Structure formats: structure tokens, C-alpha cells
Amino acid sequence: MRFIGNLSDREEDHGMKMEKLERTAAEAQLTELSGWVLNDAGSSISKTFKFANFVEAFGFMTQAALA
């Protein structure tokens, strides 16, 4: 299961404009997040989650959806 976060410039629902981080700044921030990696283009981050079975994976997905 893979979740992708986009670092591109865009306006959020709260009206604040997000600015794209330079690659070195994004990499520095990612050192604080276990398991997250920046893609080759520097445009998104991802983390791979592994589960023992479908029930665990579906439970995780359900909790994330309700958060």
C-alpha cells in the first residue's frame, strides 16, 4: 500500500498558499519522518506500509479514512 503526498504549489482549503520546497529543504524535513522518501523529481513523498494480512491493511485504511 502506498500513499503519495504532492509538494507542488497549490492553495489549500484554508486559503494559505503552499510553496514548493527546494530539494535540500525537503530532504532535511524528511529526516524527521521515519520511512518517508522523496521521489527523483523532488515533487512528491511516499511511504510504503506492509501488513500481515488483508484485515490489518483494511483496518489501517479505514482508520486513515476516518481521521
PDB file of N, CA and C in Angstrom:
ATOM      1  N   MET A   1       0.849  -1.157   0.000  1.00  0.00           N
ATOM      2  CA  MET A   1       0.000   0.000   0.000  1.00  0.00           C
ATOM      3  C   MET A   1       0.903   1.230   0.000  1.00  0.00           C
ATOM      4  N   ARG A   2       0.628   2.200  -0.835  1.00  0.00           N
ATOM      5  CA  ARG A   2       1.485   3.369  -0.941  1.00  0.00           C
ATOM      6  C   ARG A   2       0.643   4.633  -0.944  1.00  0.00           C
ATOM      7  N   PHE A   3       1.042   5.593  -0.124  1.00  0.00           N
ATOM      8  CA  PHE A   3       0.369   6.881  -0.057  1.00  0.00           C
ATOM      9  C   PHE A   3       1.322   7.940  -0.578  1.00  0.00           C
ATOM     10  N   ILE A   4       0.834   8.810  -1.428  1.00  0.00           N
ATOM     11  CA  ILE A   4       1.675   9.831  -2.043  1.00  0.00           C
ATOM     12  C   ILE A   4       1.213  11.215  -1.598  1.00  0.00           C
ATOM     13  N   GLY A   5       2.149  12.069  -1.226  1.00  0.00           N
ATOM     14  CA  GLY A   5       1.851  13.465  -0.907  1.00  0.00           C
ATOM     15  C   GLY A   5       2.524  14.355  -1.932  1.00  0.00           C
ATOM     16  N   ASN A   6       1.836  15.323  -2.461  1.00  0.00           N
ATOM     17  CA  ASN A   6       2.382  16.179  -3.502  1.00  0.00           C
ATOM     18  C   ASN A   6       2.929  17.465  -2.893  1.00  0.00           C
ATOM     19  N   LEU A   7       4.147  17.839  -3.274  1.00  0.00           N
ATOM     20  CA  LEU A   7       4.787  19.049  -2.761  1.00  0.00           C
ATOM     21  C   LEU A   7       4.621  20.244  -3.705  1.00  0.00           C
ATOM     22  N   SER A   8       3.798  20.124  -4.726  1.00  0.00           N
ATOM     23  CA  SER A   8       3.672  21.198  -5.705  1.00  0.00           C
ATOM     24  C   SER A   8       2.937  22.401  -5.122  1.00  0.00           C
ATOM     25  N   ASP A   9       3.123  23.562  -5.746  1.00  0.00           N
ATOM     26  CA  ASP A   9       2.439  24.784  -5.309  1.00  0.00           C
ATOM     27  C   ASP A   9       0.943  24.627  -5.511  1.00  0.00           C
ATOM     28  N   ARG A  10       0.170  24.924  -4.486  1.00  0.00           N
ATOM     29  CA  ARG A  10      -1.284  24.891  -4.600  1.00  0.00           C
ATOM     30  C   ARG A  10      -1.892  25.608  -3.408  1.00  0.00           C
ATOM     31  N   GLU A  11      -3.138  26.017  -3.549  1.00  0.00           N
ATOM     32  CA  GLU A  11      -3.838  26.659  -2.449  1.00  0.00           C
ATOM     33  C   GLU A  11      -4.600  25.607  -1.682  1.00  0.00           C
ATOM     34  N   GLU A  12      -4.488  25.649  -0.384  1.00  0.00           N
ATOM     35  CA  GLU A  12      -5.199  24.718   0.479  1.00  0.00           C
ATOM     36  C   GLU A  12      -6.570  25.278   0.802  1.00  0.00           C
ATOM     37  N   ASP A  13      -7.425  24.453   1.393  1.00  0.00           N
ATOM     38  CA  ASP A  13      -8.767  24.870   1.774  1.00  0.00           C
ATOM     39  C   ASP A  13      -8.756  26.055   2.728  1.00  0.00           C
ATOM     40  N   HIS A  14      -7.700  26.195   3.517  1.00  0.00           N
ATOM     41  CA  HIS A  14      -7.635  27.282   4.488  1.00  0.00           C
ATOM     42  C   HIS A  14      -7.136  28.584   3.871  1.00  0.00           C
ATOM     43  N   GLY A  15      -6.917  28.615   2.567  1.00  0.00           N
ATOM     44  CA  GLY A  15      -6.569  29.835   1.863  1.00  0.00           C
ATOM     45  C   GLY A  15      -5.096  30.199   1.878  1.00  0.00           C
ATOM     46  N   MET A  16      -4.267  29.442   2.585  1.00  0.00           N
ATOM     47  CA  MET A  16      -2.838  29.746   2.617  1.00  0.00           C
ATOM     48  C   MET A  16      -2.153  29.095   1.431  1.00  0.00           C
ATOM     49  N   LYS A  17      -1.301  29.846   0.767  1.00  0.00           N
ATOM     50  CA  LYS A  17      -0.571  29.286  -0.370  1.00  0.00           C
ATOM     51  C   LYS A  17       0.633  28.504   0.142  1.00  0.00           C
ATOM     52  N   MET A  18       0.758  27.282  -0.355  1.00  0.00           N
ATOM     53  CA  MET A  18       1.892  26.436  -0.009  1.00  0.00           C
ATOM     54  C   MET A  18       2.984  26.661  -1.053  1.00  0.00           C
ATOM     55  N   GLU A  19       4.221  26.798  -0.606  1.00  0.00           N
ATOM     56  CA  GLU A  19       5.326  26.983  -1.529  1.00  0.00           C
ATOM     57  C   GLU A  19       6.112  25.681  -1.647  1.00  0.00           C
ATOM     58  N   LYS A  20       6.540  25.386  -2.860  1.00  0.00           N
ATOM     59  CA  LYS A  20       7.336  24.187  -3.092  1.00  0.00           C
ATOM     60  C   LYS A  20       8.699  24.345  -2.418  1.00  0.00           C
ATOM     61  N   LEU A  21       9.088  23.315  -1.682  1.00  0.00           N
ATOM     62  CA  LEU A  21      10.396  23.322  -1.037  1.00  0.00           C
ATOM     63  C   LEU A  21      11.477  22.941  -2.037  1.00  0.00           C
ATOM     64  N   GLU A  22      12.635  23.539  -1.893  1.00  0.00           N
ATOM     65  CA  GLU A  22      13.785  23.088  -2.677  1.00  0.00           C
ATOM     66  C   GLU A  22      14.123  21.672  -2.226  1.00  0.00           C
ATOM     67  N   ARG A  23      14.752  20.903  -3.087  1.00  0.00           N
ATOM     68  CA  ARG A  23      15.061  19.503  -2.782  1.00  0.00           C
ATOM     69  C   ARG A  23      15.817  19.357  -1.457  1.00  0.00           C
ATOM     70  N   THR A  24      16.822  20.172  -1.224  1.00  0.00           N
ATOM     71  CA  THR A  24      17.614  20.047   0.007  1.00  0.00           C
ATOM     72  C   THR A  24      16.761  20.337   1.248  1.00  0.00           C
ATOM     73  N   ALA A  25      15.854  21.302   1.150  1.00  0.00           N
ATOM     74  CA  ALA A  25      14.971  21.620   2.279  1.00  0.00           C
ATOM     75  C   ALA A  25      13.982  20.483   2.523  1.00  0.00           C
ATOM     76  N   ALA A  26      13.452  19.903   1.452  1.00  0.00           N
ATOM     77  CA  ALA A  26      12.516  18.780   1.588  1.00  0.00           C
ATOM     78  C   ALA A  26      13.231  17.578   2.211  1.00  0.00           C
ATOM     79  N   GLU A  27      14.440  17.295   1.754  1.00  0.00           N
ATOM     80  CA  GLU A  27      15.199  16.177   2.308  1.00  0.00           C
ATOM     81  C   GLU A  27      15.506  16.398   3.786  1.00  0.00           C
ATOM     82  N   ALA A  28      15.815  17.643   4.161  1.00  0.00           N
ATOM     83  CA  ALA A  28      16.092  17.954   5.562  1.00  0.00           C
ATOM     84  C   ALA A  28      14.853  17.725   6.423  1.00  0.00           C
ATOM     85  N   GLN A  29      13.688  18.124   5.932  1.00  0.00           N
ATOM     86  CA  GLN A  29      12.443  17.912   6.675  1.00  0.00           C
ATOM     87  C   GLN A  29      12.125  16.427   6.795  1.00  0.00           C
ATOM     88  N   LEU A  30      12.423  15.655   5.761  1.00  0.00           N
ATOM     89  CA  LEU A  30      12.113  14.228   5.771  1.00  0.00           C
ATOM     90  C   LEU A  30      12.961  13.435   6.763  1.00  0.00           C
ATOM     91  N   THR A  31      14.080  13.993   7.195  1.00  0.00           N
ATOM     92  CA  THR A  31      14.900  13.281   8.188  1.00  0.00           C
ATOM     93  C   THR A  31      14.140  13.113   9.498  1.00  0.00           C
ATOM     94  N   GLU A  32      13.119  13.930   9.714  1.00  0.00           N
ATOM     95  CA  GLU A  32      12.309  13.852  10.934  1.00  0.00           C
ATOM     96  C   GLU A  32      11.141  12.871  10.801  1.00  0.00           C
ATOM     97  N   LEU A  33      10.926  12.329   9.596  1.00  0.00           N
ATOM     98  CA  LEU A  33       9.797  11.428   9.342  1.00  0.00           C
ATOM     99  C   LEU A  33      10.315  10.048   8.957  1.00  0.00           C
ATOM    100  N   SER A  34      10.099   9.086   9.815  1.00  0.00           N
ATOM    101  CA  SER A  34      10.591   7.734   9.590  1.00  0.00           C
ATOM    102  C   SER A  34       9.914   7.068   8.391  1.00  0.00           C
ATOM    103  N   GLY A  35      10.737   6.594   7.442  1.00  0.00           N
ATOM    104  CA  GLY A  35      10.231   5.813   6.319  1.00  0.00           C
ATOM    105  C   GLY A  35       9.767   6.588   5.105  1.00  0.00           C
ATOM    106  N   TRP A  36       9.671   7.891   5.185  1.00  0.00           N
ATOM    107  CA  TRP A  36       9.201   8.690   4.041  1.00  0.00           C
ATOM    108  C   TRP A  36      10.380   9.014   3.137  1.00  0.00           C
ATOM    109  N   VAL A  37      10.147   8.954   1.812  1.00  0.00           N
ATOM    110  CA  VAL A  37      11.195   9.240   0.827  1.00  0.00           C
ATOM    111  C   VAL A  37      10.690  10.228  -0.220  1.00  0.00           C
ATOM    112  N   LEU A  38      11.601  11.010  -0.743  1.00  0.00           N
ATOM    113  CA  LEU A  38      11.321  11.992  -1.794  1.00  0.00           C
ATOM    114  C   LEU A  38      11.567  11.329  -3.142  1.00  0.00           C
ATOM    115  N   ASN A  39      10.668  11.543  -4.107  1.00  0.00           N
ATOM    116  CA  ASN A  39      10.863  10.919  -5.421  1.00  0.00           C
ATOM    117  C   ASN A  39      12.012  11.597  -6.176  1.00  0.00           C
ATOM    118  N   ASP A  40      12.435  11.003  -7.280  1.00  0.00           N
ATOM    119  CA  ASP A  40      13.576  11.512  -8.044  1.00  0.00           C
ATOM    120  C   ASP A  40      13.368  12.936  -8.539  1.00  0.00           C
ATOM    121  N   ALA A  41      12.141  13.284  -8.900  1.00  0.00           N
ATOM    122  CA  ALA A  41      11.848  14.632  -9.400  1.00  0.00           C
ATOM    123  C   ALA A  41      11.729  15.654  -8.269  1.00  0.00           C
ATOM    124  N   GLY A  42      11.664  15.176  -7.034  1.00  0.00           N
ATOM    125  CA  GLY A  42      11.517  16.083  -5.900  1.00  0.00           C
ATOM    126  C   GLY A  42      10.119  16.658  -5.782  1.00  0.00           C
ATOM    127  N   SER A  43       9.142  16.009  -6.410  1.00  0.00           N
ATOM    128  CA  SER A  43       7.790  16.560  -6.442  1.00  0.00           C
ATOM    129  C   SER A  43       6.800  15.864  -5.524  1.00  0.00           C
ATOM    130  N   SER A  44       7.184  14.717  -4.960  1.00  0.00           N
ATOM    131  CA  SER A  44       6.266  14.035  -4.058  1.00  0.00           C
ATOM    132  C   SER A  44       7.038  13.173  -3.060  1.00  0.00           C
ATOM    133  N   ILE A  45       6.359  12.853  -1.968  1.00  0.00           N
ATOM    134  CA  ILE A  45       6.930  11.964  -0.972  1.00  0.00           C
ATOM    135  C   ILE A  45       6.058  10.717  -0.893  1.00  0.00           C
ATOM    136  N   SER A  46       6.653   9.625  -0.446  1.00  0.00           N
ATOM    137  CA  SER A  46       5.878   8.392  -0.311  1.00  0.00           C
ATOM    138  C   SER A  46       6.420   7.565   0.846  1.00  0.00           C
ATOM    139  N   LYS A  47       5.573   6.679   1.326  1.00  0.00           N
ATOM    140  CA  LYS A  47       5.950   5.735   2.371  1.00  0.00           C
ATOM    141  C   LYS A  47       5.216   4.435   2.082  1.00  0.00           C
ATOM    142  N   THR A  48       5.916   3.336   2.183  1.00  0.00           N
ATOM    143  CA  THR A  48       5.321   2.031   1.951  1.00  0.00           C
ATOM    144  C   THR A  48       4.943   1.398   3.288  1.00  0.00           C
ATOM    145  N   PHE A  49       3.712   0.944   3.367  1.00  0.00           N
ATOM    146  CA  PHE A  49       3.222   0.264   4.556  1.00  0.00           C
ATOM    147  C   PHE A  49       3.021  -1.204   4.205  1.00  0.00           C
ATOM    148  N   LYS A  50       3.489  -2.113   5.054  1.00  0.00           N
ATOM    149  CA  LYS A  50       3.317  -3.547   4.820  1.00  0.00           C
ATOM    150  C   LYS A  50       2.502  -4.125   5.971  1.00  0.00           C
ATOM    151  N   PHE A  51       1.529  -4.956   5.617  1.00  0.00           N
ATOM    152  CA  PHE A  51       0.644  -5.559   6.598  1.00  0.00           C
ATOM    153  C   PHE A  51       0.699  -7.073   6.483  1.00  0.00           C
ATOM    154  N   ALA A  52       0.428  -7.743   7.588  1.00  0.00           N
ATOM    155  CA  ALA A  52       0.479  -9.195   7.623  1.00  0.00           C
ATOM    156  C   ALA A  52      -0.650  -9.831   6.811  1.00  0.00           C
ATOM    157  N   ASN A  53      -1.778  -9.118   6.725  1.00  0.00           N
ATOM    158  CA  ASN A  53      -2.920  -9.698   6.024  1.00  0.00           C
ATOM    159  C   ASN A  53      -3.890  -8.595   5.598  1.00  0.00           C
ATOM    160  N   PHE A  54      -4.911  -8.998   4.887  1.00  0.00           N
ATOM    161  CA  PHE A  54      -5.903  -8.058   4.371  1.00  0.00           C
ATOM    162  C   PHE A  54      -6.647  -7.332   5.491  1.00  0.00           C
ATOM    163  N   VAL A  55      -6.967  -8.036   6.558  1.00  0.00           N
ATOM    164  CA  VAL A  55      -7.723  -7.435   7.668  1.00  0.00           C
ATOM    165  C   VAL A  55      -6.944  -6.268   8.276  1.00  0.00           C
ATOM    166  N   GLU A  56      -5.654  -6.455   8.513  1.00  0.00           N
ATOM    167  CA  GLU A  56      -4.830  -5.369   9.047  1.00  0.00           C
ATOM    168  C   GLU A  56      -4.760  -4.198   8.070  1.00  0.00           C
ATOM    169  N   ALA A  57      -4.575  -4.487   6.799  1.00  0.00           N
ATOM    170  CA  ALA A  57      -4.495  -3.433   5.783  1.00  0.00           C
ATOM    171  C   ALA A  57      -5.803  -2.661   5.692  1.00  0.00           C
ATOM    172  N   PHE A  58      -6.924  -3.373   5.691  1.00  0.00           N
ATOM    173  CA  PHE A  58      -8.227  -2.715   5.593  1.00  0.00           C
ATOM    174  C   PHE A  58      -8.509  -1.897   6.849  1.00  0.00           C
ATOM    175  N   GLY A  59      -8.119  -2.403   8.012  1.00  0.00           N
ATOM    176  CA  GLY A  59      -8.289  -1.650   9.259  1.00  0.00           C
ATOM    177  C   GLY A  59      -7.499  -0.349   9.236  1.00  0.00           C
ATOM    178  N   PHE A  60      -6.262  -0.407   8.742  1.00  0.00           N
ATOM    179  CA  PHE A  60      -5.433   0.793   8.626  1.00  0.00           C
ATOM    180  C   PHE A  60      -6.071   1.797   7.681  1.00  0.00           C
ATOM    181  N   MET A  61      -6.524   1.313   6.533  1.00  0.00           N
ATOM    182  CA  MET A  61      -7.148   2.179   5.544  1.00  0.00           C
ATOM    183  C   MET A  61      -8.408   2.850   6.120  1.00  0.00           C
ATOM    184  N   THR A  62      -9.195   2.088   6.857  1.00  0.00           N
ATOM    185  CA  THR A  62     -10.410   2.621   7.458  1.00  0.00           C
ATOM    186  C   THR A  62     -10.091   3.700   8.487  1.00  0.00           C
ATOM    187  N   GLN A  63      -9.089   3.467   9.324  1.00  0.00           N
ATOM    188  CA  GLN A  63      -8.693   4.471  10.319  1.00  0.00           C
ATOM    189  C   GLN A  63      -8.196   5.737   9.636  1.00  0.00           C
ATOM    190  N   ALA A  64      -7.415   5.589   8.574  1.00  0.00           N
ATOM    191  CA  ALA A  64      -6.909   6.763   7.840  1.00  0.00           C
ATOM    192  C   ALA A  64      -8.059   7.540   7.202  1.00  0.00           C
ATOM    193  N   ALA A  65      -9.034   6.820   6.679  1.00  0.00           N
ATOM    194  CA  ALA A  65     -10.167   7.482   6.015  1.00  0.00           C
ATOM    195  C   ALA A  65     -11.016   8.250   7.014  1.00  0.00           C
ATOM    196  N   LEU A  66     -11.125   7.766   8.238  1.00  0.00           N
ATOM    197  CA  LEU A  66     -11.967   8.411   9.245  1.00  0.00           C
ATOM    198  C   LEU A  66     -11.240   9.486  10.038  1.00  0.00           C
ATOM    199  N   ALA A  67      -9.927   9.576   9.878  1.00  0.00           N
ATOM    200  CA  ALA A  67      -9.129  10.572  10.637  1.00  0.00           C
ATOM    201  C   ALA A  67      -9.382  11.976  10.140  1.00  0.00           C
TER     202      ALA A  67
END
